[in-house]
């Protein structure tokens, strides 16, 4: 029982600091400001770079998906060819 009580005491001491930490964060936090991508000039270099990054990532995903589909197609073609060879070799 003593072990449970000491763990509860440690938890209570830690919880006692929560209002102090909350007050510190409230007093020192800076207001969030949106960048030019979210709010501001849509023709800025930052906005154009973000658009180009999204296009690049879509291209990477498309390349990977097309590659997977190509490998699947090659495997299907090989399986059909092997199946025909096995059927023609059967007596």
N, C-alpha and C. Protein backbone atom coordinates (compact mmCIF):
# COMPACT_ATOMS: atom_id res chain seq x y z
N UNK A 1 0.82 -1.18 0.00
CA UNK A 1 0.00 0.00 0.00
C UNK A 1 0.87 1.25 0.00
N UNK A 2 2.02 1.15 0.64
CA UNK A 2 2.92 2.29 0.73
C UNK A 2 3.42 2.68 -0.66
N UNK A 3 3.65 1.67 -1.51
CA UNK A 3 4.13 1.93 -2.88
C UNK A 3 3.08 2.70 -3.68
N UNK A 4 1.81 2.33 -3.54
CA UNK A 4 0.73 3.02 -4.25
C UNK A 4 0.60 4.45 -3.76
N UNK A 5 0.73 4.65 -2.46
CA UNK A 5 0.61 5.98 -1.90
C UNK A 5 1.75 6.88 -2.38
N UNK A 6 2.97 6.36 -2.45
CA UNK A 6 4.08 7.19 -2.91
C UNK A 6 3.93 7.56 -4.39
N UNK A 7 3.39 6.66 -5.18
CA UNK A 7 3.15 6.97 -6.59
C UNK A 7 2.07 8.05 -6.71
N UNK A 8 1.04 7.97 -5.88
CA UNK A 8 -0.01 8.98 -5.90
C UNK A 8 0.54 10.34 -5.45
N UNK A 9 1.42 10.33 -4.48
CA UNK A 9 2.02 11.58 -4.01
C UNK A 9 2.86 12.24 -5.11
N UNK A 10 3.62 11.44 -5.83
CA UNK A 10 4.42 11.98 -6.95
C UNK A 10 3.52 12.57 -8.02
N UNK A 11 2.42 11.89 -8.32
CA UNK A 11 1.47 12.39 -9.31
C UNK A 11 0.84 13.70 -8.85
N UNK A 12 0.49 13.79 -7.57
CA UNK A 12 -0.12 15.01 -7.04
C UNK A 12 0.87 16.17 -7.08
N UNK A 13 2.14 15.92 -6.77
CA UNK A 13 3.14 16.99 -6.84
C UNK A 13 3.34 17.46 -8.28
N UNK A 14 3.31 16.53 -9.22
CA UNK A 14 3.44 16.91 -10.62
C UNK A 14 2.25 17.71 -11.10
N UNK A 15 1.07 17.32 -10.65
CA UNK A 15 -0.15 18.03 -11.05
C UNK A 15 -0.20 19.42 -10.46
N UNK A 16 0.48 19.64 -9.35
CA UNK A 16 0.49 20.96 -8.74
C UNK A 16 1.20 21.98 -9.62
N UNK A 17 2.08 21.53 -10.47
CA UNK A 17 2.82 22.44 -11.37
C UNK A 17 2.02 22.81 -12.61
N UNK A 18 0.94 22.11 -12.91
CA UNK A 18 0.18 22.37 -14.13
C UNK A 18 -0.31 23.81 -14.25
N UNK A 19 -0.87 24.44 -13.22
CA UNK A 19 -1.29 25.84 -13.38
C UNK A 19 -0.12 26.79 -13.64
N UNK A 20 1.02 26.52 -13.03
CA UNK A 20 2.19 27.36 -13.26
C UNK A 20 2.66 27.23 -14.70
N UNK A 21 2.70 26.01 -15.21
CA UNK A 21 3.13 25.79 -16.59
C UNK A 21 2.12 26.42 -17.56
N UNK A 22 0.84 26.27 -17.28
CA UNK A 22 -0.19 26.85 -18.15
C UNK A 22 -0.08 28.37 -18.18
N UNK A 23 0.15 28.99 -17.03
CA UNK A 23 0.31 30.44 -16.97
C UNK A 23 1.55 30.89 -17.73
N UNK A 24 2.64 30.17 -17.58
CA UNK A 24 3.87 30.50 -18.30
C UNK A 24 3.65 30.44 -19.81
N UNK A 25 3.01 29.38 -20.28
CA UNK A 25 2.76 29.25 -21.71
C UNK A 25 1.82 30.33 -22.22
N UNK A 26 0.84 30.69 -21.43
CA UNK A 26 -0.10 31.74 -21.82
C UNK A 26 0.61 33.08 -21.95
N UNK A 27 1.51 33.38 -21.03
CA UNK A 27 2.18 34.68 -21.04
C UNK A 27 3.30 34.78 -22.07
N UNK A 28 3.90 33.67 -22.43
CA UNK A 28 5.04 33.72 -23.35
C UNK A 28 4.71 33.32 -24.78
N UNK A 29 3.52 32.82 -25.03
CA UNK A 29 3.17 32.36 -26.38
C UNK A 29 3.02 33.54 -27.33
N UNK A 30 3.48 33.35 -28.54
CA UNK A 30 3.35 34.36 -29.58
C UNK A 30 2.12 34.02 -30.42
N UNK A 31 1.42 35.03 -30.91
CA UNK A 31 0.27 34.73 -31.77
C UNK A 31 0.73 34.11 -33.10
N UNK A 32 -0.05 33.20 -33.59
CA UNK A 32 0.28 32.54 -34.86
C UNK A 32 -0.05 33.48 -36.02
N UNK A 33 0.84 33.51 -36.96
CA UNK A 33 0.63 34.33 -38.15
C UNK A 33 0.70 33.43 -39.38
N UNK A 34 -0.23 33.62 -40.27
CA UNK A 34 -0.27 32.81 -41.48
C UNK A 34 0.80 33.27 -42.45
N UNK A 35 1.35 32.32 -43.21
CA UNK A 35 2.36 32.66 -44.21
C UNK A 35 1.65 33.11 -45.49
N UNK A 36 2.43 33.47 -46.47
CA UNK A 36 1.84 34.00 -47.70
C UNK A 36 1.12 32.92 -48.51
N UNK A 37 1.37 31.65 -48.20
CA UNK A 37 0.65 30.58 -48.89
C UNK A 37 -0.81 30.55 -48.42
N UNK A 38 -1.01 30.67 -47.12
CA UNK A 38 -2.37 30.59 -46.56
C UNK A 38 -3.10 31.92 -46.63
N UNK A 39 -2.38 32.99 -46.44
CA UNK A 39 -3.02 34.28 -46.35
C UNK A 39 -2.04 35.31 -46.87
N UNK A 40 -2.39 35.98 -47.92
CA UNK A 40 -1.49 36.99 -48.44
C UNK A 40 -1.35 36.89 -49.94
N UNK A 41 -0.13 37.05 -50.41
CA UNK A 41 0.15 37.12 -51.84
C UNK A 41 0.24 35.71 -52.44
N UNK A 42 -0.72 35.32 -53.28
CA UNK A 42 -0.64 33.98 -53.89
C UNK A 42 0.43 33.88 -54.98
N UNK A 43 0.96 35.02 -55.42
CA UNK A 43 1.99 34.99 -56.45
C UNK A 43 3.39 35.10 -55.87
N UNK A 44 3.54 34.92 -54.58
CA UNK A 44 4.86 35.03 -53.97
C UNK A 44 5.69 33.78 -54.30
N UNK A 45 6.98 33.90 -54.08
CA UNK A 45 7.87 32.77 -54.33
C UNK A 45 7.54 31.58 -53.43
N UNK A 46 7.13 31.87 -52.20
CA UNK A 46 6.78 30.80 -51.27
C UNK A 46 5.55 30.03 -51.75
N UNK A 47 4.54 30.73 -52.25
CA UNK A 47 3.34 30.07 -52.75
C UNK A 47 3.65 29.26 -54.00
N UNK A 48 4.43 29.82 -54.90
CA UNK A 48 4.79 29.07 -56.12
C UNK A 48 5.62 27.83 -55.78
N UNK A 49 6.51 27.96 -54.81
CA UNK A 49 7.31 26.80 -54.39
C UNK A 49 6.45 25.72 -53.78
N UNK A 50 5.45 26.11 -52.99
CA UNK A 50 4.55 25.12 -52.40
C UNK A 50 3.76 24.38 -53.48
N UNK A 51 3.29 25.11 -54.47
CA UNK A 51 2.54 24.48 -55.57
C UNK A 51 3.44 23.52 -56.35
N UNK A 52 4.66 23.94 -56.61
CA UNK A 52 5.58 23.07 -57.34
C UNK A 52 5.93 21.83 -56.53
N UNK A 53 6.04 21.98 -55.20
CA UNK A 53 6.30 20.83 -54.35
C UNK A 53 5.16 19.83 -54.37
N UNK A 54 3.93 20.32 -54.34
CA UNK A 54 2.77 19.44 -54.41
C UNK A 54 2.72 18.71 -55.74
N UNK A 55 2.99 19.42 -56.82
CA UNK A 55 3.00 18.80 -58.15
C UNK A 55 4.08 17.72 -58.23
N UNK A 56 5.25 18.01 -57.67
CA UNK A 56 6.33 17.02 -57.68
C UNK A 56 5.93 15.76 -56.90
N UNK A 57 5.32 15.95 -55.73
CA UNK A 57 4.93 14.79 -54.92
C UNK A 57 3.83 13.97 -55.62
N UNK A 58 2.91 14.63 -56.30
CA UNK A 58 1.90 13.90 -57.07
C UNK A 58 2.57 13.11 -58.18
N UNK A 59 3.58 13.69 -58.81
CA UNK A 59 4.33 12.99 -59.85
C UNK A 59 5.05 11.76 -59.31
N UNK A 60 5.63 11.88 -58.13
CA UNK A 60 6.32 10.73 -57.52
C UNK A 60 5.33 9.61 -57.24
N UNK A 61 4.18 9.96 -56.66
CA UNK A 61 3.17 8.95 -56.35
C UNK A 61 2.66 8.30 -57.63
N UNK A 62 2.42 9.08 -58.66
CA UNK A 62 1.94 8.53 -59.93
C UNK A 62 2.98 7.60 -60.53
N UNK A 63 4.26 7.99 -60.47
CA UNK A 63 5.33 7.13 -61.00
C UNK A 63 5.37 5.80 -60.29
N UNK A 64 5.26 5.81 -58.96
CA UNK A 64 5.30 4.56 -58.19
C UNK A 64 4.10 3.69 -58.53
N UNK A 65 2.91 4.29 -58.62
CA UNK A 65 1.72 3.49 -58.94
C UNK A 65 1.79 2.90 -60.34
N UNK A 66 2.27 3.67 -61.30
CA UNK A 66 2.42 3.15 -62.67
C UNK A 66 3.46 2.03 -62.69
N UNK A 67 4.52 2.18 -61.92
CA UNK A 67 5.54 1.13 -61.86
C UNK A 67 4.97 -0.16 -61.28
N UNK A 68 4.18 -0.05 -60.24
CA UNK A 68 3.56 -1.24 -59.64
C UNK A 68 2.61 -1.90 -60.64
N UNK A 69 1.82 -1.10 -61.34
CA UNK A 69 0.89 -1.65 -62.33
C UNK A 69 1.66 -2.32 -63.48
N UNK A 70 2.78 -1.75 -63.88
CA UNK A 70 3.59 -2.34 -64.94
C UNK A 70 4.15 -3.69 -64.51
N UNK A 71 4.66 -3.77 -63.30
CA UNK A 71 5.18 -5.05 -62.80
C UNK A 71 4.07 -6.08 -62.74
N UNK A 72 2.89 -5.68 -62.28
CA UNK A 72 1.76 -6.62 -62.23
C UNK A 72 1.40 -7.09 -63.63
N UNK A 73 1.39 -6.18 -64.60
CA UNK A 73 1.10 -6.58 -65.98
C UNK A 73 2.12 -7.54 -66.54
N UNK A 74 3.39 -7.31 -66.26
CA UNK A 74 4.45 -8.23 -66.72
C UNK A 74 4.27 -9.60 -66.08
N UNK A 75 3.95 -9.64 -64.80
CA UNK A 75 3.74 -10.93 -64.14
C UNK A 75 2.54 -11.66 -64.73
N UNK A 76 1.48 -10.95 -65.05
CA UNK A 76 0.30 -11.59 -65.65
C UNK A 76 0.66 -12.15 -67.02
N UNK A 77 1.40 -11.39 -67.81
CA UNK A 77 1.80 -11.87 -69.14
C UNK A 77 2.69 -13.10 -69.03
N UNK A 78 3.62 -13.10 -68.10
CA UNK A 78 4.50 -14.26 -67.92
C UNK A 78 3.71 -15.47 -67.46
N UNK A 79 2.74 -15.27 -66.58
CA UNK A 79 1.93 -16.39 -66.09
C UNK A 79 1.12 -16.99 -67.23
N UNK A 80 0.55 -16.15 -68.09
CA UNK A 80 -0.22 -16.67 -69.23
C UNK A 80 0.67 -17.42 -70.20
N UNK A 81 1.86 -16.86 -70.46
CA UNK A 81 2.80 -17.53 -71.37
C UNK A 81 3.23 -18.87 -70.80
N UNK A 82 3.53 -18.92 -69.51
CA UNK A 82 3.93 -20.16 -68.88
C UNK A 82 2.79 -21.17 -68.90
N UNK A 83 1.56 -20.71 -68.70
CA UNK A 83 0.41 -21.60 -68.71
C UNK A 83 0.22 -22.22 -70.09
N UNK A 84 0.40 -21.39 -71.15
CA UNK A 84 0.28 -21.93 -72.51
C UNK A 84 1.38 -22.94 -72.80
N UNK A 85 2.60 -22.68 -72.32
CA UNK A 85 3.70 -23.61 -72.56
C UNK A 85 3.46 -24.93 -71.84
N UNK A 86 2.92 -24.86 -70.62
CA UNK A 86 2.65 -26.08 -69.86
C UNK A 86 1.55 -26.88 -70.55
N UNK A 87 0.50 -26.21 -71.06
CA UNK A 87 -0.59 -26.91 -71.73
C UNK A 87 -0.12 -27.54 -73.04
N UNK A 88 0.79 -26.88 -73.76
CA UNK A 88 1.25 -27.45 -75.04
C UNK A 88 2.22 -28.59 -74.82
N UNK A 89 2.90 -28.63 -73.69
CA UNK A 89 3.85 -29.73 -73.40
C UNK A 89 3.15 -30.94 -72.83
N UNK A 90 1.92 -30.82 -72.38
CA UNK A 90 1.20 -31.94 -71.76
C UNK A 90 0.85 -32.95 -72.84
N UNK A 91 1.04 -34.25 -72.56
CA UNK A 91 0.74 -35.30 -73.57
C UNK A 91 -0.72 -35.54 -73.78
